[in-house]
């Protein structure tokens, strides 16, 4: 789960695009174009 989120951050940085991530039970989040995590859920929760 955390490995995939790190890969997503790398994609945000190389494309310089914000990325919205939705998963069934974690980790969902919103990543800025600089790769910084601006919002993130916990695992096994609804949010």
ModelCIF file with pLDDT and N, C-alpha, C, O atoms, coordinates in Angstrom:
data_MODEL
#
_entry.id   MODEL 
#
_entity.id                         1 
_entity.type                       polymer 
_entity.pdbx_number_of_molecules   1 
#
_entity_poly.entity_id                      1 
_entity_poly.type                           'polypeptide(L)' 
_entity_poly.nstd_linkage                   no 
_entity_poly.nstd_monomer                   no 
_entity_poly.pdbx_seq_one_letter_code       
;(UNK)(UNK)(UNK)(UNK)(UNK)(UNK)(UNK)(UNK)(UNK)(UNK)(UNK)(UNK)(UNK)(UNK)(UNK)(UNK)
(UNK)(UNK)(UNK)(UNK)(UNK)(UNK)(UNK)(UNK)(UNK)(UNK)(UNK)(UNK)(UNK)(UNK)(UNK)(UNK)
(UNK)(UNK)(UNK)(UNK)(UNK)(UNK)(UNK)(UNK)(UNK)(UNK)(UNK)(UNK)(UNK)(UNK)(UNK)
;
_entity_poly.pdbx_seq_one_letter_code_can   XXXXXXXXXXXXXXXXXXXXXXXXXXXXXXXXXXXXXXXXXXXXXXX 
_entity_poly.pdbx_strand_id                 A 
#
loop_
_entity_poly_seq.entity_id 
_entity_poly_seq.num 
_entity_poly_seq.mon_id 
_entity_poly_seq.hetero 
1 1  UNK n 
1 2  UNK n 
1 3  UNK n 
1 4  UNK n 
1 5  UNK n 
1 6  UNK n 
1 7  UNK n 
1 8  UNK n 
1 9  UNK n 
1 10 UNK n 
1 11 UNK n 
1 12 UNK n 
1 13 UNK n 
1 14 UNK n 
1 15 UNK n 
1 16 UNK n 
1 17 UNK n 
1 18 UNK n 
1 19 UNK n 
1 20 UNK n 
1 21 UNK n 
1 22 UNK n 
1 23 UNK n 
1 24 UNK n 
1 25 UNK n 
1 26 UNK n 
1 27 UNK n 
1 28 UNK n 
1 29 UNK n 
1 30 UNK n 
1 31 UNK n 
1 32 UNK n 
1 33 UNK n 
1 34 UNK n 
1 35 UNK n 
1 36 UNK n 
1 37 UNK n 
1 38 UNK n 
1 39 UNK n 
1 40 UNK n 
1 41 UNK n 
1 42 UNK n 
1 43 UNK n 
1 44 UNK n 
1 45 UNK n 
1 46 UNK n 
1 47 UNK n 
#
_struct_asym.id          A 
_struct_asym.entity_id   1 
#
loop_
_ma_qa_metric.id 
_ma_qa_metric.mode 
_ma_qa_metric.name 
_ma_qa_metric.software_group_id 
_ma_qa_metric.type 
1 global pLDDT . pLDDT 
2 local  pLDDT . pLDDT 
#
_ma_qa_metric_global.metric_id      1 
_ma_qa_metric_global.metric_value   96.47 
_ma_qa_metric_global.model_id       1 
_ma_qa_metric_global.ordinal_id     1 
#
loop_
_ma_qa_metric_local.label_asym_id 
_ma_qa_metric_local.label_comp_id 
_ma_qa_metric_local.label_seq_id 
_ma_qa_metric_local.metric_id 
_ma_qa_metric_local.metric_value 
_ma_qa_metric_local.model_id 
_ma_qa_metric_local.ordinal_id 
A UNK 1  2 95.00 1 1  
A UNK 2  2 96.00 1 2  
A UNK 3  2 97.00 1 3  
A UNK 4  2 97.00 1 4  
A UNK 5  2 97.00 1 5  
A UNK 6  2 97.00 1 6  
A UNK 7  2 98.00 1 7  
A UNK 8  2 98.00 1 8  
A UNK 9  2 98.00 1 9  
A UNK 10 2 98.00 1 10 
A UNK 11 2 98.00 1 11 
A UNK 12 2 98.00 1 12 
A UNK 13 2 98.00 1 13 
A UNK 14 2 98.00 1 14 
A UNK 15 2 98.00 1 15 
A UNK 16 2 98.00 1 16 
A UNK 17 2 97.00 1 17 
A UNK 18 2 98.00 1 18 
A UNK 19 2 98.00 1 19 
A UNK 20 2 98.00 1 20 
A UNK 21 2 98.00 1 21 
A UNK 22 2 98.00 1 22 
A UNK 23 2 97.00 1 23 
A UNK 24 2 95.00 1 24 
A UNK 25 2 93.00 1 25 
A UNK 26 2 84.00 1 26 
A UNK 27 2 94.00 1 27 
A UNK 28 2 97.00 1 28 
A UNK 29 2 97.00 1 29 
A UNK 30 2 98.00 1 30 
A UNK 31 2 98.00 1 31 
A UNK 32 2 97.00 1 32 
A UNK 33 2 97.00 1 33 
A UNK 34 2 96.00 1 34 
A UNK 35 2 96.00 1 35 
A UNK 36 2 97.00 1 36 
A UNK 37 2 97.00 1 37 
A UNK 38 2 97.00 1 38 
A UNK 39 2 97.00 1 39 
A UNK 40 2 97.00 1 40 
A UNK 41 2 97.00 1 41 
A UNK 42 2 94.00 1 42 
A UNK 43 2 93.00 1 43 
A UNK 44 2 92.00 1 44 
A UNK 45 2 95.00 1 45 
A UNK 46 2 96.00 1 46 
A UNK 47 2 97.00 1 47 
#
loop_
_atom_site.group_PDB 
_atom_site.id 
_atom_site.type_symbol 
_atom_site.label_atom_id 
_atom_site.label_alt_id 
_atom_site.label_comp_id 
_atom_site.label_asym_id 
_atom_site.label_entity_id 
_atom_site.label_seq_id 
_atom_site.pdbx_PDB_ins_code 
_atom_site.Cartn_x 
_atom_site.Cartn_y 
_atom_site.Cartn_z 
_atom_site.occupancy 
_atom_site.B_iso_or_equiv 
_atom_site.pdbx_formal_charge 
_atom_site.auth_seq_id 
_atom_site.auth_comp_id 
_atom_site.auth_asym_id 
_atom_site.auth_atom_id 
_atom_site.pdbx_PDB_model_num 
ATOM 1   N N  . UNK A 1 1  ? 0.829   -1.204 0.000   1.00 95.00 ? 1  UNK A N  1 
ATOM 2   C CA . UNK A 1 1  ? 0.000   0.000  0.000   1.00 95.00 ? 1  UNK A CA 1 
ATOM 3   C C  . UNK A 1 1  ? 0.868   1.260  0.000   1.00 95.00 ? 1  UNK A C  1 
ATOM 4   O O  . UNK A 1 1  ? 0.654   2.158  -0.814  1.00 95.00 ? 1  UNK A O  1 
ATOM 5   N N  . UNK A 1 2  ? 1.833   1.329  0.897   1.00 96.00 ? 2  UNK A N  1 
ATOM 6   C CA . UNK A 1 2  ? 2.689   2.511  0.965   1.00 96.00 ? 2  UNK A CA 1 
ATOM 7   C C  . UNK A 1 2  ? 3.643   2.574  -0.221  1.00 96.00 ? 2  UNK A C  1 
ATOM 8   O O  . UNK A 1 2  ? 4.021   3.667  -0.644  1.00 96.00 ? 2  UNK A O  1 
ATOM 9   N N  . UNK A 1 3  ? 4.043   1.426  -0.767  1.00 97.00 ? 3  UNK A N  1 
ATOM 10  C CA . UNK A 1 3  ? 4.884   1.445  -1.960  1.00 97.00 ? 3  UNK A CA 1 
ATOM 11  C C  . UNK A 1 3  ? 4.141   2.056  -3.134  1.00 97.00 ? 3  UNK A C  1 
ATOM 12  O O  . UNK A 1 3  ? 4.700   2.865  -3.874  1.00 97.00 ? 3  UNK A O  1 
ATOM 13  N N  . UNK A 1 4  ? 2.887   1.675  -3.307  1.00 97.00 ? 4  UNK A N  1 
ATOM 14  C CA . UNK A 1 4  ? 2.112   2.234  -4.412  1.00 97.00 ? 4  UNK A CA 1 
ATOM 15  C C  . UNK A 1 4  ? 1.898   3.731  -4.234  1.00 97.00 ? 4  UNK A C  1 
ATOM 16  O O  . UNK A 1 4  ? 1.929   4.479  -5.212  1.00 97.00 ? 4  UNK A O  1 
ATOM 17  N N  . UNK A 1 5  ? 1.683   4.174  -3.009  1.00 97.00 ? 5  UNK A N  1 
ATOM 18  C CA . UNK A 1 5  ? 1.486   5.599  -2.769  1.00 97.00 ? 5  UNK A CA 1 
ATOM 19  C C  . UNK A 1 5  ? 2.767   6.369  -3.095  1.00 97.00 ? 5  UNK A C  1 
ATOM 20  O O  . UNK A 1 5  ? 2.703   7.482  -3.618  1.00 97.00 ? 5  UNK A O  1 
ATOM 21  N N  . UNK A 1 6  ? 3.922   5.787  -2.792  1.00 97.00 ? 6  UNK A N  1 
ATOM 22  C CA . UNK A 1 6  ? 5.195   6.429  -3.139  1.00 97.00 ? 6  UNK A CA 1 
ATOM 23  C C  . UNK A 1 6  ? 5.363   6.518  -4.649  1.00 97.00 ? 6  UNK A C  1 
ATOM 24  O O  . UNK A 1 6  ? 5.855   7.525  -5.158  1.00 97.00 ? 6  UNK A O  1 
ATOM 25  N N  . UNK A 1 7  ? 4.957   5.469  -5.374  1.00 98.00 ? 7  UNK A N  1 
ATOM 26  C CA . UNK A 1 7  ? 5.020   5.505  -6.832  1.00 98.00 ? 7  UNK A CA 1 
ATOM 27  C C  . UNK A 1 7  ? 4.110   6.602  -7.369  1.00 98.00 ? 7  UNK A C  1 
ATOM 28  O O  . UNK A 1 7  ? 4.474   7.305  -8.312  1.00 98.00 ? 7  UNK A O  1 
ATOM 29  N N  . UNK A 1 8  ? 2.936   6.751  -6.777  1.00 98.00 ? 8  UNK A N  1 
ATOM 30  C CA . UNK A 1 8  ? 2.019   7.807  -7.198  1.00 98.00 ? 8  UNK A CA 1 
ATOM 31  C C  . UNK A 1 8  ? 2.637   9.183  -6.982  1.00 98.00 ? 8  UNK A C  1 
ATOM 32  O O  . UNK A 1 8  ? 2.489   10.071 -7.822  1.00 98.00 ? 8  UNK A O  1 
ATOM 33  N N  . UNK A 1 9  ? 3.319   9.359  -5.877  1.00 98.00 ? 9  UNK A N  1 
ATOM 34  C CA . UNK A 1 9  ? 3.994   10.639 -5.629  1.00 98.00 ? 9  UNK A CA 1 
ATOM 35  C C  . UNK A 1 9  ? 5.066   10.901 -6.682  1.00 98.00 ? 9  UNK A C  1 
ATOM 36  O O  . UNK A 1 9  ? 5.224   12.033 -7.140  1.00 98.00 ? 9  UNK A O  1 
ATOM 37  N N  . UNK A 1 10 ? 5.800   9.861  -7.066  1.00 98.00 ? 10 UNK A N  1 
ATOM 38  C CA . UNK A 1 10 ? 6.801   10.030 -8.121  1.00 98.00 ? 10 UNK A CA 1 
ATOM 39  C C  . UNK A 1 10 ? 6.147   10.463 -9.422  1.00 98.00 ? 10 UNK A C  1 
ATOM 40  O O  . UNK A 1 10 ? 6.699   11.298 -10.138 1.00 98.00 ? 10 UNK A O  1 
ATOM 41  N N  . UNK A 1 11 ? 4.973   9.909  -9.744  1.00 98.00 ? 11 UNK A N  1 
ATOM 42  C CA . UNK A 1 11 ? 4.266   10.295 -10.963 1.00 98.00 ? 11 UNK A CA 1 
ATOM 43  C C  . UNK A 1 11 ? 3.799   11.744 -10.896 1.00 98.00 ? 11 UNK A C  1 
ATOM 44  O O  . UNK A 1 11 ? 3.841   12.459 -11.898 1.00 98.00 ? 11 UNK A O  1 
ATOM 45  N N  . UNK A 1 12 ? 3.356   12.177 -9.723  1.00 98.00 ? 12 UNK A N  1 
ATOM 46  C CA . UNK A 1 12 ? 2.957   13.582 -9.584  1.00 98.00 ? 12 UNK A CA 1 
ATOM 47  C C  . UNK A 1 12 ? 4.138   14.510 -9.831  1.00 98.00 ? 12 UNK A C  1 
ATOM 48  O O  . UNK A 1 12 ? 3.989   15.548 -10.476 1.00 98.00 ? 12 UNK A O  1 
ATOM 49  N N  . UNK A 1 13 ? 5.310   14.143 -9.322  1.00 98.00 ? 13 UNK A N  1 
ATOM 50  C CA . UNK A 1 13 ? 6.481   14.999 -9.472  1.00 98.00 ? 13 UNK A CA 1 
ATOM 51  C C  . UNK A 1 13 ? 6.998   15.027 -10.900 1.00 98.00 ? 13 UNK A C  1 
ATOM 52  O O  . UNK A 1 13 ? 7.403   16.082 -11.387 1.00 98.00 ? 13 UNK A O  1 
ATOM 53  N N  . UNK A 1 14 ? 6.991   13.882 -11.580 1.00 98.00 ? 14 UNK A N  1 
ATOM 54  C CA . UNK A 1 14 ? 7.550   13.885 -12.931 1.00 98.00 ? 14 UNK A CA 1 
ATOM 55  C C  . UNK A 1 14 ? 6.604   14.519 -13.947 1.00 98.00 ? 14 UNK A C  1 
ATOM 56  O O  . UNK A 1 14 ? 7.062   15.050 -14.959 1.00 98.00 ? 14 UNK A O  1 
ATOM 57  N N  . UNK A 1 15 ? 5.288   14.475 -13.700 1.00 98.00 ? 15 UNK A N  1 
ATOM 58  C CA . UNK A 1 15 ? 4.332   15.113 -14.602 1.00 98.00 ? 15 UNK A CA 1 
ATOM 59  C C  . UNK A 1 15 ? 3.979   16.531 -14.174 1.00 98.00 ? 15 UNK A C  1 
ATOM 60  O O  . UNK A 1 15 ? 3.397   17.296 -14.944 1.00 98.00 ? 15 UNK A O  1 
ATOM 61  N N  . UNK A 1 16 ? 4.340   16.878 -12.929 1.00 98.00 ? 16 UNK A N  1 
ATOM 62  C CA . UNK A 1 16 ? 3.956   18.160 -12.335 1.00 98.00 ? 16 UNK A CA 1 
ATOM 63  C C  . UNK A 1 16 ? 2.446   18.360 -12.442 1.00 98.00 ? 16 UNK A C  1 
ATOM 64  O O  . UNK A 1 16 ? 1.960   19.417 -12.844 1.00 98.00 ? 16 UNK A O  1 
ATOM 65  N N  . UNK A 1 17 ? 1.728   17.307 -12.067 1.00 97.00 ? 17 UNK A N  1 
ATOM 66  C CA . UNK A 1 17 ? 0.268   17.330 -12.010 1.00 97.00 ? 17 UNK A CA 1 
ATOM 67  C C  . UNK A 1 17 ? -0.193  16.886 -10.629 1.00 97.00 ? 17 UNK A C  1 
ATOM 68  O O  . UNK A 1 17 ? 0.358   15.945 -10.059 1.00 97.00 ? 17 UNK A O  1 
ATOM 69  N N  . UNK A 1 18 ? -1.202  17.563 -10.093 1.00 98.00 ? 18 UNK A N  1 
ATOM 70  C CA . UNK A 1 18 ? -1.844  17.059 -8.891  1.00 98.00 ? 18 UNK A CA 1 
ATOM 71  C C  . UNK A 1 18 ? -2.526  15.735 -9.212  1.00 98.00 ? 18 UNK A C  1 
ATOM 72  O O  . UNK A 1 18 ? -3.021  15.539 -10.322 1.00 98.00 ? 18 UNK A O  1 
ATOM 73  N N  . UNK A 1 19 ? -2.552  14.841 -8.251  1.00 98.00 ? 19 UNK A N  1 
ATOM 74  C CA . UNK A 1 19 ? -3.188  13.539 -8.457  1.00 98.00 ? 19 UNK A CA 1 
ATOM 75  C C  . UNK A 1 19 ? -4.154  13.268 -7.307  1.00 98.00 ? 19 UNK A C  1 
ATOM 76  O O  . UNK A 1 19 ? -3.788  13.341 -6.134  1.00 98.00 ? 19 UNK A O  1 
ATOM 77  N N  . UNK A 1 20 ? -5.401  12.952 -7.675  1.00 98.00 ? 20 UNK A N  1 
ATOM 78  C CA . UNK A 1 20 ? -6.396  12.516 -6.703  1.00 98.00 ? 20 UNK A CA 1 
ATOM 79  C C  . UNK A 1 20 ? -6.448  10.993 -6.730  1.00 98.00 ? 20 UNK A C  1 
ATOM 80  O O  . UNK A 1 20 ? -6.564  10.386 -7.795  1.00 98.00 ? 20 UNK A O  1 
ATOM 81  N N  . UNK A 1 21 ? -6.362  10.380 -5.553  1.00 98.00 ? 21 UNK A N  1 
ATOM 82  C CA . UNK A 1 21 ? -6.309  8.920  -5.438  1.00 98.00 ? 21 UNK A CA 1 
ATOM 83  C C  . UNK A 1 21 ? -7.502  8.439  -4.623  1.00 98.00 ? 21 UNK A C  1 
ATOM 84  O O  . UNK A 1 21 ? -7.727  8.899  -3.503  1.00 98.00 ? 21 UNK A O  1 
ATOM 85  N N  . UNK A 1 22 ? -8.265  7.510  -5.194  1.00 98.00 ? 22 UNK A N  1 
ATOM 86  C CA . UNK A 1 22 ? -9.349  6.875  -4.446  1.00 98.00 ? 22 UNK A CA 1 
ATOM 87  C C  . UNK A 1 22 ? -9.104  5.374  -4.406  1.00 98.00 ? 22 UNK A C  1 
ATOM 88  O O  . UNK A 1 22 ? -8.913  4.742  -5.444  1.00 98.00 ? 22 UNK A O  1 
ATOM 89  N N  . UNK A 1 23 ? -9.111  4.810  -3.209  1.00 97.00 ? 23 UNK A N  1 
ATOM 90  C CA . UNK A 1 23 ? -8.989  3.365  -3.040  1.00 97.00 ? 23 UNK A CA 1 
ATOM 91  C C  . UNK A 1 23 ? -10.169 2.864  -2.226  1.00 97.00 ? 23 UNK A C  1 
ATOM 92  O O  . UNK A 1 23 ? -10.873 3.645  -1.585  1.00 97.00 ? 23 UNK A O  1 
ATOM 93  N N  . UNK A 1 24 ? -10.380 1.551  -2.258  1.00 95.00 ? 24 UNK A N  1 
ATOM 94  C CA . UNK A 1 24 ? -11.527 0.991  -1.554  1.00 95.00 ? 24 UNK A CA 1 
ATOM 95  C C  . UNK A 1 24 ? -11.409 1.124  -0.041  1.00 95.00 ? 24 UNK A C  1 
ATOM 96  O O  . UNK A 1 24 ? -12.382 1.450  0.638   1.00 95.00 ? 24 UNK A O  1 
ATOM 97  N N  . UNK A 1 25 ? -10.191 0.865  0.492   1.00 93.00 ? 25 UNK A N  1 
ATOM 98  C CA . UNK A 1 25 ? -10.046 0.985  1.945   1.00 93.00 ? 25 UNK A CA 1 
ATOM 99  C C  . UNK A 1 25 ? -8.660  1.459  2.378   1.00 93.00 ? 25 UNK A C  1 
ATOM 100 O O  . UNK A 1 25 ? -8.224  1.141  3.485   1.00 93.00 ? 25 UNK A O  1 
ATOM 101 N N  . UNK A 1 26 ? -7.966  2.206  1.536   1.00 84.00 ? 26 UNK A N  1 
ATOM 102 C CA . UNK A 1 26 ? -6.706  2.840  1.927   1.00 84.00 ? 26 UNK A CA 1 
ATOM 103 C C  . UNK A 1 26 ? -5.555  2.371  1.049   1.00 84.00 ? 26 UNK A C  1 
ATOM 104 O O  . UNK A 1 26 ? -5.472  1.200  0.680   1.00 84.00 ? 26 UNK A O  1 
ATOM 105 N N  . UNK A 1 27 ? -4.672  3.302  0.722   1.00 94.00 ? 27 UNK A N  1 
ATOM 106 C CA . UNK A 1 27 ? -4.661  4.677  1.185   1.00 94.00 ? 27 UNK A CA 1 
ATOM 107 C C  . UNK A 1 27 ? -5.135  5.586  0.045   1.00 94.00 ? 27 UNK A C  1 
ATOM 108 O O  . UNK A 1 27 ? -4.524  5.623  -1.023  1.00 94.00 ? 27 UNK A O  1 
ATOM 109 N N  . UNK A 1 28 ? -6.233  6.320  0.286   1.00 97.00 ? 28 UNK A N  1 
ATOM 110 C CA . UNK A 1 28 ? -6.665  7.363  -0.636  1.00 97.00 ? 28 UNK A CA 1 
ATOM 111 C C  . UNK A 1 28 ? -5.964  8.651  -0.256  1.00 97.00 ? 28 UNK A C  1 
ATOM 112 O O  . UNK A 1 28 ? -5.469  8.797  0.862   1.00 97.00 ? 28 UNK A O  1 
ATOM 113 N N  . UNK A 1 29 ? -5.924  9.591  -1.200  1.00 97.00 ? 29 UNK A N  1 
ATOM 114 C CA . UNK A 1 29 ? -5.255  10.834 -0.868  1.00 97.00 ? 29 UNK A CA 1 
ATOM 115 C C  . UNK A 1 29 ? -5.273  11.835 -1.987  1.00 97.00 ? 29 UNK A C  1 
ATOM 116 O O  . UNK A 1 29 ? -5.818  11.589 -3.063  1.00 97.00 ? 29 UNK A O  1 
ATOM 117 N N  . UNK A 1 30 ? -4.661  12.981 -1.714  1.00 98.00 ? 30 UNK A N  1 
ATOM 118 C CA . UNK A 1 30 ? -4.489  14.037 -2.704  1.00 98.00 ? 30 UNK A CA 1 
ATOM 119 C C  . UNK A 1 30 ? -3.036  14.485 -2.640  1.00 98.00 ? 30 UNK A C  1 
ATOM 120 O O  . UNK A 1 30 ? -2.538  14.886 -1.588  1.00 98.00 ? 30 UNK A O  1 
ATOM 121 N N  . UNK A 1 31 ? -2.366  14.408 -3.787  1.00 98.00 ? 31 UNK A N  1 
ATOM 122 C CA . UNK A 1 31 ? -0.938  14.678 -3.869  1.00 98.00 ? 31 UNK A CA 1 
ATOM 123 C C  . UNK A 1 31 ? -0.722  15.922 -4.720  1.00 98.00 ? 31 UNK A C  1 
ATOM 124 O O  . UNK A 1 31 ? -1.240  16.016 -5.832  1.00 98.00 ? 31 UNK A O  1 
ATOM 125 N N  . UNK A 1 32 ? 0.046   16.880 -4.196  1.00 97.00 ? 32 UNK A N  1 
ATOM 126 C CA . UNK A 1 32 ? 0.359   18.081 -4.947  1.00 97.00 ? 32 UNK A CA 1 
ATOM 127 C C  . UNK A 1 32 ? 1.340   17.797 -6.064  1.00 97.00 ? 32 UNK A C  1 
ATOM 128 O O  . UNK A 1 32 ? 1.956   16.732 -6.104  1.00 97.00 ? 32 UNK A O  1 
ATOM 129 N N  . UNK A 1 33 ? 1.485   18.745 -6.967  1.00 97.00 ? 33 UNK A N  1 
ATOM 130 C CA . UNK A 1 33 ? 2.358   18.500 -8.115  1.00 97.00 ? 33 UNK A CA 1 
ATOM 131 C C  . UNK A 1 33 ? 3.832   18.456 -7.728  1.00 97.00 ? 33 UNK A C  1 
ATOM 132 O O  . UNK A 1 33 ? 4.671   18.059 -8.536  1.00 97.00 ? 33 UNK A O  1 
ATOM 133 N N  . UNK A 1 34 ? 4.150   18.857 -6.513  1.00 96.00 ? 34 UNK A N  1 
ATOM 134 C CA . UNK A 1 34 ? 5.512   18.728 -6.009  1.00 96.00 ? 34 UNK A CA 1 
ATOM 135 C C  . UNK A 1 34 ? 5.723   17.429 -5.237  1.00 96.00 ? 34 UNK A C  1 
ATOM 136 O O  . UNK A 1 34 ? 6.780   17.215 -4.642  1.00 96.00 ? 34 UNK A O  1 
ATOM 137 N N  . UNK A 1 35 ? 4.704   16.559 -5.252  1.00 96.00 ? 35 UNK A N  1 
ATOM 138 C CA . UNK A 1 35 ? 4.816   15.270 -4.576  1.00 96.00 ? 35 UNK A CA 1 
ATOM 139 C C  . UNK A 1 35 ? 4.436   15.286 -3.114  1.00 96.00 ? 35 UNK A C  1 
ATOM 140 O O  . UNK A 1 35 ? 4.446   14.242 -2.462  1.00 96.00 ? 35 UNK A O  1 
ATOM 141 N N  . UNK A 1 36 ? 4.099   16.454 -2.585  1.00 97.00 ? 36 UNK A N  1 
ATOM 142 C CA . UNK A 1 36 ? 3.718   16.535 -1.181  1.00 97.00 ? 36 UNK A CA 1 
ATOM 143 C C  . UNK A 1 36 ? 2.293   16.031 -0.968  1.00 97.00 ? 36 UNK A C  1 
ATOM 144 O O  . UNK A 1 36 ? 1.400   16.302 -1.771  1.00 97.00 ? 36 UNK A O  1 
ATOM 145 N N  . UNK A 1 37 ? 2.096   15.304 0.112   1.00 97.00 ? 37 UNK A N  1 
ATOM 146 C CA . UNK A 1 37 ? 0.783   14.735 0.416   1.00 97.00 ? 37 UNK A CA 1 
ATOM 147 C C  . UNK A 1 37 ? -0.047  15.796 1.135   1.00 97.00 ? 37 UNK A C  1 
ATOM 148 O O  . UNK A 1 37 ? 0.291   16.218 2.241   1.00 97.00 ? 37 UNK A O  1 
ATOM 149 N N  . UNK A 1 38 ? -1.131  16.217 0.499   1.00 97.00 ? 38 UNK A N  1 
ATOM 150 C CA . UNK A 1 38 ? -1.972  17.272 1.065   1.00 97.00 ? 38 UNK A CA 1 
ATOM 151 C C  . UNK A 1 38 ? -3.170  16.725 1.827   1.00 97.00 ? 38 UNK A C  1 
ATOM 152 O O  . UNK A 1 38 ? -3.745  17.420 2.666   1.00 97.00 ? 38 UNK A O  1 
ATOM 153 N N  . UNK A 1 39 ? -3.543  15.503 1.545   1.00 97.00 ? 39 UNK A N  1 
ATOM 154 C CA . UNK A 1 39 ? -4.619  14.835 2.288   1.00 97.00 ? 39 UNK A CA 1 
ATOM 155 C C  . UNK A 1 39 ? -4.447  13.347 2.114   1.00 97.00 ? 39 UNK A C  1 
ATOM 156 O O  . UNK A 1 39 ? -4.086  12.880 1.034   1.00 97.00 ? 39 UNK A O  1 
ATOM 157 N N  . UNK A 1 40 ? -4.704  12.595 3.173   1.00 97.00 ? 40 UNK A N  1 
ATOM 158 C CA . UNK A 1 40 ? -4.456  11.166 3.123   1.00 97.00 ? 40 UNK A CA 1 
ATOM 159 C C  . UNK A 1 40 ? -5.350  10.458 4.129   1.00 97.00 ? 40 UNK A C  1 
ATOM 160 O O  . UNK A 1 40 ? -5.552  10.951 5.239   1.00 97.00 ? 40 UNK A O  1 
ATOM 161 N N  . UNK A 1 41 ? -5.884  9.309  3.747   1.00 97.00 ? 41 UNK A N  1 
ATOM 162 C CA . UNK A 1 41 ? -6.742  8.541  4.647   1.00 97.00 ? 41 UNK A CA 1 
ATOM 163 C C  . UNK A 1 41 ? -5.921  7.494  5.393   1.00 97.00 ? 41 UNK A C  1 
ATOM 164 O O  . UNK A 1 41 ? -4.766  7.229  5.058   1.00 97.00 ? 41 UNK A O  1 
ATOM 165 N N  . UNK A 1 42 ? -6.529  6.920  6.388   1.00 94.00 ? 42 UNK A N  1 
ATOM 166 C CA . UNK A 1 42 ? -5.978  5.739  7.046   1.00 94.00 ? 42 UNK A CA 1 
ATOM 167 C C  . UNK A 1 42 ? -6.479  4.502  6.315   1.00 94.00 ? 42 UNK A C  1 
ATOM 168 O O  . UNK A 1 42 ? -7.444  4.574  5.553   1.00 94.00 ? 42 UNK A O  1 
ATOM 169 N N  . UNK A 1 43 ? -5.829  3.374  6.546   1.00 93.00 ? 43 UNK A N  1 
ATOM 170 C CA . UNK A 1 43 ? -6.295  2.114  5.971   1.00 93.00 ? 43 UNK A CA 1 
ATOM 171 C C  . UNK A 1 43 ? -7.491  1.595  6.759   1.00 93.00 ? 43 UNK A C  1 
ATOM 172 O O  . UNK A 1 43 ? -7.667  1.896  7.940   1.00 93.00 ? 43 UNK A O  1 
ATOM 173 N N  . UNK A 1 44 ? -8.310  0.803  6.061   1.00 92.00 ? 44 UNK A N  1 
ATOM 174 C CA . UNK A 1 44 ? -9.450  0.101  6.658   1.00 92.00 ? 44 UNK A CA 1 
ATOM 175 C C  . UNK A 1 44 ? -10.433 1.057  7.321   1.00 92.00 ? 44 UNK A C  1 
ATOM 176 O O  . UNK A 1 44 ? -10.965 0.777  8.396   1.00 92.00 ? 44 UNK A O  1 
ATOM 177 N N  . UNK A 1 45 ? -10.663 2.174  6.674   1.00 95.00 ? 45 UNK A N  1 
ATOM 178 C CA . UNK A 1 45 ? -11.635 3.141  7.171   1.00 95.00 ? 45 UNK A CA 1 
ATOM 179 C C  . UNK A 1 45 ? -12.452 3.661  5.995   1.00 95.00 ? 45 UNK A C  1 
ATOM 180 O O  . UNK A 1 45 ? -12.055 3.525  4.838   1.00 95.00 ? 45 UNK A O  1 
ATOM 181 N N  . UNK A 1 46 ? -13.595 4.258  6.306   1.00 96.00 ? 46 UNK A N  1 
ATOM 182 C CA . UNK A 1 46 ? -14.367 5.008  5.318   1.00 96.00 ? 46 UNK A CA 1 
ATOM 183 C C  . UNK A 1 46 ? -14.055 6.488  5.510   1.00 96.00 ? 46 UNK A C  1 
ATOM 184 O O  . UNK A 1 46 ? -14.030 6.978  6.639   1.00 96.00 ? 46 UNK A O  1 
ATOM 185 N N  . UNK A 1 47 ? -13.819 7.196  4.416   1.00 97.00 ? 47 UNK A N  1 
ATOM 186 C CA . UNK A 1 47 ? -13.458 8.612  4.517   1.00 97.00 ? 47 UNK A CA 1 
ATOM 187 C C  . UNK A 1 47 ? -13.719 9.276  3.172   1.00 97.00 ? 47 UNK A C  1 
ATOM 188 O O  . UNK A 1 47 ? -13.487 10.475 3.020   1.00 97.00 ? 47 UNK A O  1 
#
